[in-house]
Amino acid sequence: MSNETANVNDILMPVTFYSEEQGTGEAYTATQDNPDLSTIGLANTFSSVTLPPQTKVVMYSGANYTGKTLAVGNGSLEIITVDFSEDIGWIPDDPQLNFSWSGINMNDQCRSFKLYGEIQETSLSSFFEFDLEYTGNGVEPTYIYDYLYGAQYLTYFNENDSSFGPEHNDKASSALVFSDRTADFYEDKAWGGRVTGFNGSGVTGKARIYNFDGYISWLNNIASSIKVGYLA
């Protein structure tokens, strides 16, 4: 599966897809969009991707940029490999919120993709962007997970919280933020210590899961309090 696109670059530094998880297996390097991977025998073969800094790839399950989509972005200033070989994110049913979500899976389902460079992302981490609109009760919560990629749900916050408590303190490794929301995570209780913020996509119906990796790896399993708000 080792191939490289030619012609005019869409991005300066290449993106590399892999047939297996965590940047393993056969590799395919690209610097421009591809409307139909089946023409080169690579449709439905990708499980992970290595992204240069400030780069995003949007994968589509159909040819010509149609069907289900999953964007994988690198808002960091370093090269990051991101795995999408398993389900990404999930939200268990909560009677109080009247909302649940089964997650998204794009493993071996990419038939076309678009590349974006110089995305000017401020999160300094990797992230996923996907179709998800909140239809539950109250304001859109911010969800946190025990592992990267939205794995192992912990809890949600729909208002500021000055202390995560023993069940969730120093455990979060990723967070789901809805389109028009913001979430600032703090190293210490009572909004103290180092802080990093995550913004929603700003696109109605598009949520994001941010991974606590890249330049904000210090936040992984460290967060103790949170402030939530809305995009300006």
Protein backbone atom coordinates (compact mmCIF):
# COMPACT_ATOMS: atom_id res chain seq x y z
CA MET A 1 0.00 0.00 0.00
CA SER A 2 3.01 2.31 -0.01
CA ASN A 3 2.19 5.20 -2.36
CA GLU A 4 2.68 8.93 -2.63
CA THR A 5 0.50 11.50 -4.36
CA ALA A 6 2.06 13.78 -6.96
CA ASN A 7 0.99 16.98 -8.70
CA VAL A 8 0.34 20.28 -6.90
CA ASN A 9 0.50 20.18 -3.10
CA ASP A 10 -2.52 21.17 -1.06
CA ILE A 11 -0.39 21.19 2.09
CA LEU A 12 3.32 21.72 2.53
CA MET A 13 4.05 18.78 4.85
CA PRO A 14 2.63 15.33 4.04
CA VAL A 15 -0.01 13.38 5.93
CA THR A 16 0.60 9.64 6.27
CA PHE A 17 -2.21 7.10 6.63
CA TYR A 18 -1.62 3.59 7.97
CA SER A 19 -3.46 0.32 7.51
CA GLU A 20 -3.14 -0.57 11.21
CA GLU A 21 -3.45 1.18 14.56
CA GLN A 22 -0.93 3.59 16.08
CA GLY A 23 0.97 4.31 12.86
CA THR A 24 1.72 0.69 11.95
CA GLY A 25 1.12 -1.44 8.88
CA GLU A 26 1.36 -0.29 5.28
CA ALA A 27 1.64 3.47 4.73
CA TYR A 28 0.21 5.93 2.24
CA THR A 29 1.53 9.50 2.11
CA ALA A 30 -0.50 12.39 0.70
CA THR A 31 -0.15 16.13 0.18
CA GLN A 32 -3.41 16.71 -1.70
CA ASP A 33 -7.07 15.72 -1.62
CA ASN A 34 -8.16 12.37 -3.00
CA PRO A 35 -11.76 12.05 -4.30
CA ASP A 36 -11.77 8.26 -4.66
CA LEU A 37 -9.24 5.95 -3.05
CA SER A 38 -10.71 2.95 -4.85
CA THR A 39 -8.97 4.09 -8.05
CA ILE A 40 -5.64 3.23 -6.43
CA GLY A 41 -6.88 0.23 -4.46
CA LEU A 42 -6.84 1.95 -1.06
CA ALA A 43 -10.51 2.45 -0.24
CA ASN A 44 -11.49 1.37 3.27
CA THR A 45 -7.95 0.55 4.40
CA PHE A 46 -6.97 3.29 6.91
CA SER A 47 -6.85 2.89 10.70
CA SER A 48 -4.51 5.67 11.88
CA VAL A 49 -2.84 8.81 10.57
CA THR A 50 0.26 10.91 11.25
CA LEU A 51 -0.38 14.64 10.98
CA PRO A 52 2.10 17.52 10.74
CA PRO A 53 1.55 20.50 13.05
CA GLN A 54 -1.58 22.58 12.42
CA THR A 55 -3.00 20.15 9.86
CA LYS A 56 -6.42 18.52 9.52
CA VAL A 57 -7.75 15.68 7.37
CA VAL A 58 -11.47 15.15 6.75
CA MET A 59 -12.29 11.55 5.83
CA TYR A 60 -15.45 10.54 3.97
CA SER A 61 -17.02 7.09 3.74
CA GLY A 62 -18.12 7.72 0.14
CA ALA A 63 -16.39 8.78 -3.06
CA ASN A 64 -16.24 12.46 -4.04
CA TYR A 65 -16.41 13.67 -0.44
CA THR A 66 -19.80 12.19 0.43
CA GLY A 67 -21.21 10.01 3.20
CA LYS A 68 -20.22 9.83 6.84
CA THR A 69 -17.38 12.13 7.87
CA LEU A 70 -14.70 12.25 10.53
CA ALA A 71 -12.11 15.00 10.77
CA VAL A 72 -8.82 14.35 12.55
CA GLY A 73 -6.80 17.44 13.42
CA ASN A 74 -3.45 18.32 14.93
CA GLY A 75 -3.55 21.68 16.67
CA SER A 76 -0.18 21.07 18.28
CA LEU A 77 3.22 22.34 17.18
CA GLU A 78 4.63 18.83 16.88
CA ILE A 79 3.93 15.81 14.67
CA ILE A 80 1.21 13.57 16.16
CA THR A 81 -0.04 10.10 15.20
CA VAL A 82 -3.75 9.60 15.88
CA ASP A 83 -5.55 6.26 16.03
CA PHE A 84 -9.12 5.78 14.78
CA SER A 85 -9.09 1.96 14.65
CA GLU A 86 -11.86 1.67 17.26
CA ASP A 87 -15.00 3.54 18.26
CA ILE A 88 -14.38 7.20 19.11
CA GLY A 89 -16.38 8.63 22.00
CA TRP A 90 -19.69 7.60 23.48
CA ILE A 91 -22.23 9.04 25.88
CA PRO A 92 -24.29 6.71 28.10
CA ASP A 93 -27.97 7.36 28.52
CA ASP A 94 -28.65 9.82 31.32
CA PRO A 95 -32.30 10.16 32.42
CA GLN A 96 -31.69 13.68 33.73
CA LEU A 97 -30.28 14.89 30.42
CA ASN A 98 -32.37 12.60 28.22
CA PHE A 99 -29.44 12.22 25.85
CA SER A 100 -27.07 9.49 24.69
CA TRP A 101 -24.68 8.81 21.80
CA SER A 102 -23.12 5.58 20.56
CA GLY A 103 -19.91 7.16 19.21
CA ILE A 104 -18.44 7.13 15.72
CA ASN A 105 -16.31 4.56 13.93
CA MET A 106 -14.31 5.31 10.77
CA ASN A 107 -11.94 2.33 10.85
CA ASP A 108 -11.43 0.92 7.33
CA GLN A 109 -14.21 3.20 6.07
CA CYS A 110 -12.37 6.06 4.33
CA ARG A 111 -12.96 6.28 0.57
CA SER A 112 -12.08 9.94 0.00
CA PHE A 113 -10.43 12.72 1.99
CA LYS A 114 -9.59 16.42 2.04
CA LEU A 115 -6.49 17.98 3.59
CA TYR A 116 -6.17 21.35 5.32
CA GLY A 117 -2.93 23.02 6.38
CA GLU A 118 -2.23 26.04 8.59
CA ILE A 119 -5.53 25.58 10.42
CA GLN A 120 -4.53 28.04 13.18
CA GLU A 121 -5.88 25.79 15.91
CA THR A 122 -5.22 26.97 19.48
CA SER A 123 -5.81 23.73 21.40
CA LEU A 124 -2.19 22.53 21.00
CA SER A 125 -3.48 18.94 20.90
CA SER A 126 -5.03 16.46 18.52
CA PHE A 127 -8.79 16.36 18.05
CA PHE A 128 -11.68 14.67 16.26
CA GLU A 129 -14.58 16.57 14.68
CA PHE A 130 -17.84 14.85 13.76
CA ASP A 131 -21.60 15.28 13.36
CA LEU A 132 -23.27 15.46 16.78
CA GLU A 133 -25.97 17.87 17.89
CA TYR A 134 -27.15 18.04 21.48
CA THR A 135 -30.88 17.35 21.77
CA GLY A 136 -31.10 16.71 25.52
CA ASN A 137 -32.33 18.76 28.44
CA GLY A 138 -30.61 21.99 29.49
CA VAL A 139 -27.37 23.40 28.09
CA GLU A 140 -24.82 21.32 26.22
CA PRO A 141 -22.56 19.54 28.72
CA THR A 142 -18.82 19.01 28.42
CA TYR A 143 -17.99 15.30 28.74
CA ILE A 144 -14.71 13.89 30.03
CA TYR A 145 -13.14 10.49 29.44
CA ASP A 146 -10.57 8.38 31.25
CA TYR A 147 -8.57 7.65 28.09
CA LEU A 148 -7.63 9.32 24.82
CA TYR A 149 -10.04 9.25 21.88
CA GLY A 150 -13.13 9.55 24.07
CA ALA A 151 -12.72 6.11 25.59
CA GLN A 152 -14.02 5.12 29.03
CA TYR A 153 -16.63 7.74 29.91
CA LEU A 154 -16.21 9.48 33.28
CA THR A 155 -18.81 12.24 33.71
CA TYR A 156 -20.15 15.53 32.36
CA PHE A 157 -20.21 19.19 33.40
CA ASN A 158 -22.87 21.72 32.39
CA GLU A 159 -21.61 24.37 34.80
CA ASN A 160 -18.35 25.40 36.46
CA ASP A 161 -16.92 22.91 38.93
CA SER A 162 -14.19 23.91 41.39
CA SER A 163 -13.34 20.35 42.46
CA PHE A 164 -13.74 17.13 40.47
CA GLY A 165 -13.83 14.96 43.58
CA PRO A 166 -12.10 11.61 44.11
CA GLU A 167 -14.01 9.80 41.34
CA HIS A 168 -12.76 12.10 38.55
CA ASN A 169 -9.82 14.08 39.91
CA ASP A 170 -6.58 13.62 37.95
CA LYS A 171 -8.21 11.11 35.58
CA ALA A 172 -9.34 12.93 32.42
CA SER A 173 -7.45 12.23 29.19
CA SER A 174 -9.91 13.60 26.62
CA ALA A 175 -13.02 15.79 26.48
CA LEU A 176 -16.04 16.27 24.23
CA VAL A 177 -17.05 19.89 23.54
CA PHE A 178 -20.17 20.83 21.58
CA SER A 179 -20.09 23.33 18.72
CA ASP A 180 -20.76 26.61 20.54
CA ARG A 181 -19.27 25.77 23.94
CA THR A 182 -15.91 26.35 25.62
CA ALA A 183 -14.19 24.37 28.36
CA ASP A 184 -11.17 25.48 30.41
CA PHE A 185 -9.44 22.74 32.40
CA TYR A 186 -7.30 23.60 35.42
CA GLU A 187 -4.47 21.67 36.99
CA ASP A 188 -5.62 22.32 40.57
CA LYS A 189 -8.86 22.64 42.47
CA ALA A 190 -10.59 26.02 42.74
CA TRP A 191 -9.37 26.90 39.22
CA GLY A 192 -5.73 27.08 40.18
CA GLY A 193 -2.46 26.10 38.55
CA ARG A 194 -1.91 25.69 34.85
CA VAL A 195 -4.91 25.96 32.53
CA THR A 196 -5.71 25.06 28.95
CA GLY A 197 -8.88 25.85 27.02
CA PHE A 198 -10.85 24.08 24.32
CA ASN A 199 -13.34 25.68 21.96
CA GLY A 200 -16.20 24.04 20.14
CA SER A 201 -15.99 23.81 16.37
CA GLY A 202 -18.15 26.91 15.89
CA VAL A 203 -20.12 24.96 13.28
CA THR A 204 -23.68 24.01 14.22
CA GLY A 205 -24.02 20.25 14.60
CA LYS A 206 -20.25 19.61 14.71
CA ALA A 207 -18.81 18.48 18.05
CA ARG A 208 -15.18 17.80 18.93
CA ILE A 209 -13.26 15.40 21.12
CA TYR A 210 -9.94 16.85 22.24
CA ASN A 211 -7.11 14.58 23.32
CA PHE A 212 -4.84 15.69 26.14
CA ASP A 213 -1.70 15.08 24.08
CA GLY A 214 0.74 17.14 22.03
CA TYR A 215 1.91 20.33 23.77
CA ILE A 216 -0.71 19.90 26.52
CA SER A 217 0.36 16.39 27.56
CA TRP A 218 0.93 17.87 31.02
CA LEU A 219 -2.88 17.99 31.37
CA ASN A 220 -3.31 14.24 30.89
CA ASN A 221 -4.54 12.75 34.20
CA ILE A 222 -4.00 16.11 35.91
CA ALA A 223 -7.23 18.16 35.58
CA SER A 224 -8.96 18.99 38.87
CA SER A 225 -11.46 21.76 38.02
CA ILE A 226 -13.26 23.25 35.03
CA LYS A 227 -14.95 26.40 33.77
CA VAL A 228 -17.45 26.12 30.92
CA GLY A 229 -18.92 28.83 28.73
CA TYR A 230 -19.98 29.83 25.23
CA LEU A 231 -18.02 30.95 22.20
CA ALA A 232 -17.99 34.73 21.84
